[in-house]
Amino acid sequence: MDYEVGDIVKLKKQHPCGSSEWEILRVGADFRLKCMGCGHQIMIARRLVEKNTKDLRKKA
């Protein structure tokens, strides 16, 4: 898949707040993701994002 800043990624597992959608803030070897539910930000390895992606919505 082709990931870009601003895209919305739906991951297999939910965040503790209940949301499973994340906005991509940074792309590279690591991704910076922001939870669409509570706004919490995480850094996660690219391979983990690619492995756990359920759906990808492109930015408008």
Foldseek 3Di string as FASTA:
>chain_A
DDDDQQKKFFFPDADPLGARIWGWHDDDQWTWTATPRPRDIDIGGPVVSVVGTDDIGDHD
